[in-house]
Amino acid sequence: MKEMDTVNTVTLKDTKTGEHPQFPAEDVFICVGTLPLNGAFKNLDITNEEGYVVTDEAMATKIPGIYAAGDIRDKTLRQIVTATDDGSIAAKSVQHYIDNLES
């Protein structure tokens, strides 16, 4: 069995001084950024000033049939657990929308 690498320290860069202090650490949570990837939505006028898609609680935008889920949404908490919840709600909302189109 191969032994796993472990984290013992984290080295950060002080952007003001250029120094690289090290801190002891046992775990690391990696954040890949907070800028929304919204290129496909910019011309639809469904994003706020920061570029996040505005939805209601059913994940619906102001355009009928267009839903958004996850970190692209305008919300206060962006974590994978909330994004998966959004996806479940959006899927249910889309199914309801499609079912009502056939009526």
C-alpha atoms as a PDB file:
ATOM      1  CA  MET A   1       0.000   0.000   0.000  1.00  0.00           C
ATOM      2  CA  LYS A   2       1.378   3.403  -0.974  1.00  0.00           C
ATOM      3  CA  GLU A   3       1.728   5.904   1.826  1.00  0.00           C
ATOM      4  CA  MET A   4      -0.199   9.137   1.226  1.00  0.00           C
ATOM      5  CA  ASP A   5       1.467  12.522   1.236  1.00  0.00           C
ATOM      6  CA  THR A   6       0.474  14.693   4.152  1.00  0.00           C
ATOM      7  CA  VAL A   7       0.417  18.417   4.731  1.00  0.00           C
ATOM      8  CA  ASN A   8       2.660  19.680   7.512  1.00  0.00           C
ATOM      9  CA  THR A   9       3.027  23.359   6.656  1.00  0.00           C
ATOM     10  CA  VAL A  10       1.539  25.960   4.373  1.00  0.00           C
ATOM     11  CA  THR A  11       3.666  28.677   2.802  1.00  0.00           C
ATOM     12  CA  LEU A  12       1.904  31.922   1.976  1.00  0.00           C
ATOM     13  CA  LYS A  13       3.104  34.970   0.093  1.00  0.00           C
ATOM     14  CA  ASP A  14       2.666  38.358   1.735  1.00  0.00           C
ATOM     15  CA  THR A  15       1.746  40.511  -1.266  1.00  0.00           C
ATOM     16  CA  LYS A  16       2.811  43.686   0.537  1.00  0.00           C
ATOM     17  CA  THR A  17       6.247  42.618   1.772  1.00  0.00           C
ATOM     18  CA  GLY A  18       7.038  39.776  -0.625  1.00  0.00           C
ATOM     19  CA  GLU A  19       7.895  37.531   2.335  1.00  0.00           C
ATOM     20  CA  HIS A  20       6.916  33.849   2.386  1.00  0.00           C
ATOM     21  CA  PRO A  21       5.995  32.921   5.978  1.00  0.00           C
ATOM     22  CA  GLN A  22       5.262  29.287   6.821  1.00  0.00           C
ATOM     23  CA  PHE A  23       2.468  28.102   9.096  1.00  0.00           C
ATOM     24  CA  PRO A  24       1.876  24.655  10.583  1.00  0.00           C
ATOM     25  CA  ALA A  25      -1.127  22.897   9.072  1.00  0.00           C
ATOM     26  CA  GLU A  26      -2.722  19.459   9.105  1.00  0.00           C
ATOM     27  CA  ASP A  27      -5.383  20.010   6.454  1.00  0.00           C
ATOM     28  CA  VAL A  28      -5.848  22.275   3.452  1.00  0.00           C
ATOM     29  CA  PHE A  29      -9.057  23.551   1.843  1.00  0.00           C
ATOM     30  CA  ILE A  30      -8.346  24.821  -1.668  1.00  0.00           C
ATOM     31  CA  CYS A  31     -10.401  27.719  -3.024  1.00  0.00           C
ATOM     32  CA  VAL A  32     -10.219  28.016  -6.800  1.00  0.00           C
ATOM     33  CA  GLY A  33     -11.679  31.503  -6.960  1.00  0.00           C
ATOM     34  CA  THR A  34     -14.887  33.438  -6.679  1.00  0.00           C
ATOM     35  CA  LEU A  35     -15.394  34.872 -10.154  1.00  0.00           C
ATOM     36  CA  PRO A  36     -18.521  33.459 -11.800  1.00  0.00           C
ATOM     37  CA  LEU A  37     -18.069  31.808 -15.216  1.00  0.00           C
ATOM     38  CA  ASN A  38     -20.992  33.669 -16.753  1.00  0.00           C
ATOM     39  CA  GLY A  39     -20.072  34.171 -20.406  1.00  0.00           C
ATOM     40  CA  ALA A  40     -23.088  32.221 -21.636  1.00  0.00           C
ATOM     41  CA  PHE A  41     -25.471  34.410 -19.635  1.00  0.00           C
ATOM     42  CA  LYS A  42     -24.152  37.951 -20.116  1.00  0.00           C
ATOM     43  CA  ASN A  43     -26.455  38.818 -23.035  1.00  0.00           C
ATOM     44  CA  LEU A  44     -29.573  37.425 -21.319  1.00  0.00           C
ATOM     45  CA  ASP A  45     -29.812  40.195 -18.717  1.00  0.00           C
ATOM     46  CA  ILE A  46     -30.201  37.701 -15.853  1.00  0.00           C
ATOM     47  CA  THR A  47     -27.020  38.528 -13.931  1.00  0.00           C
ATOM     48  CA  ASN A  48     -26.471  41.046 -11.162  1.00  0.00           C
ATOM     49  CA  GLU A  49     -23.697  43.680 -11.024  1.00  0.00           C
ATOM     50  CA  GLU A  50     -21.169  41.086  -9.800  1.00  0.00           C
ATOM     51  CA  GLY A  51     -22.016  38.680 -12.636  1.00  0.00           C
ATOM     52  CA  TYR A  52     -24.031  36.116 -10.669  1.00  0.00           C
ATOM     53  CA  VAL A  53     -27.319  34.783 -12.073  1.00  0.00           C
ATOM     54  CA  VAL A  54     -30.374  35.986 -10.150  1.00  0.00           C
ATOM     55  CA  THR A  55     -32.957  33.280  -9.393  1.00  0.00           C
ATOM     56  CA  ASP A  56     -35.899  32.664  -7.141  1.00  0.00           C
ATOM     57  CA  GLU A  57     -36.035  29.813  -4.592  1.00  0.00           C
ATOM     58  CA  ALA A  58     -37.030  27.370  -7.366  1.00  0.00           C
ATOM     59  CA  MET A  59     -33.795  28.303  -9.223  1.00  0.00           C
ATOM     60  CA  ALA A  60     -35.816  30.004 -11.979  1.00  0.00           C
ATOM     61  CA  THR A  61     -34.501  33.136 -13.652  1.00  0.00           C
ATOM     62  CA  LYS A  62     -36.757  35.877 -14.968  1.00  0.00           C
ATOM     63  CA  ILE A  63     -36.723  34.095 -18.361  1.00  0.00           C
ATOM     64  CA  PRO A  64     -39.238  31.212 -18.441  1.00  0.00           C
ATOM     65  CA  GLY A  65     -37.492  27.857 -18.852  1.00  0.00           C
ATOM     66  CA  ILE A  66     -34.023  29.076 -17.828  1.00  0.00           C
ATOM     67  CA  TYR A  67     -32.783  27.882 -14.446  1.00  0.00           C
ATOM     68  CA  ALA A  68     -29.469  28.238 -12.636  1.00  0.00           C
ATOM     69  CA  ALA A  69     -27.905  26.177  -9.868  1.00  0.00           C
ATOM     70  CA  GLY A  70     -24.726  26.232  -7.839  1.00  0.00           C
ATOM     71  CA  ASP A  71     -22.084  28.867  -7.451  1.00  0.00           C
ATOM     72  CA  ILE A  72     -23.199  30.855 -10.512  1.00  0.00           C
ATOM     73  CA  ARG A  73     -26.286  31.901  -8.502  1.00  0.00           C
ATOM     74  CA  ASP A  74     -26.543  35.130  -6.541  1.00  0.00           C
ATOM     75  CA  LYS A  75     -26.411  33.839  -2.948  1.00  0.00           C
ATOM     76  CA  THR A  76     -24.472  34.403   0.243  1.00  0.00           C
ATOM     77  CA  LEU A  77     -22.859  30.968   0.662  1.00  0.00           C
ATOM     78  CA  ARG A  78     -20.955  29.219  -2.107  1.00  0.00           C
ATOM     79  CA  GLN A  79     -19.923  25.699  -1.177  1.00  0.00           C
ATOM     80  CA  ILE A  80     -20.318  22.341  -2.863  1.00  0.00           C
ATOM     81  CA  VAL A  81     -22.981  21.271  -0.387  1.00  0.00           C
ATOM     82  CA  THR A  82     -25.199  24.252  -1.264  1.00  0.00           C
ATOM     83  CA  ALA A  83     -24.518  23.799  -4.987  1.00  0.00           C
ATOM     84  CA  THR A  84     -25.735  20.193  -4.897  1.00  0.00           C
ATOM     85  CA  ASP A  85     -28.881  21.305  -3.086  1.00  0.00           C
ATOM     86  CA  ASP A  86     -29.447  23.936  -5.788  1.00  0.00           C
ATOM     87  CA  GLY A  87     -29.054  21.257  -8.462  1.00  0.00           C
ATOM     88  CA  SER A  88     -31.721  19.079  -6.874  1.00  0.00           C
ATOM     89  CA  ILE A  89     -34.144  21.986  -6.634  1.00  0.00           C
ATOM     90  CA  ALA A  90     -33.413  23.090 -10.202  1.00  0.00           C
ATOM     91  CA  ALA A  91     -33.963  19.560 -11.563  1.00  0.00           C
ATOM     92  CA  LYS A  92     -37.343  19.338  -9.818  1.00  0.00           C
ATOM     93  CA  SER A  93     -38.298  22.814 -11.077  1.00  0.00           C
ATOM     94  CA  VAL A  94     -37.280  21.998 -14.661  1.00  0.00           C
ATOM     95  CA  GLN A  95     -39.305  18.770 -14.566  1.00  0.00           C
ATOM     96  CA  HIS A  96     -42.348  20.713 -13.349  1.00  0.00           C
ATOM     97  CA  TYR A  97     -41.816  23.312 -16.104  1.00  0.00           C
ATOM     98  CA  ILE A  98     -41.564  20.629 -18.815  1.00  0.00           C
ATOM     99  CA  ASP A  99     -44.583  18.732 -17.509  1.00  0.00           C
ATOM    100  CA  ASN A 100     -46.661  21.920 -17.668  1.00  0.00           C
ATOM    101  CA  LEU A 101     -45.540  22.664 -21.252  1.00  0.00           C
ATOM    102  CA  GLU A 102     -47.195  19.460 -22.405  1.00  0.00           C
ATOM    103  CA  SER A 103     -50.559  20.428 -20.838  1.00  0.00           C
END
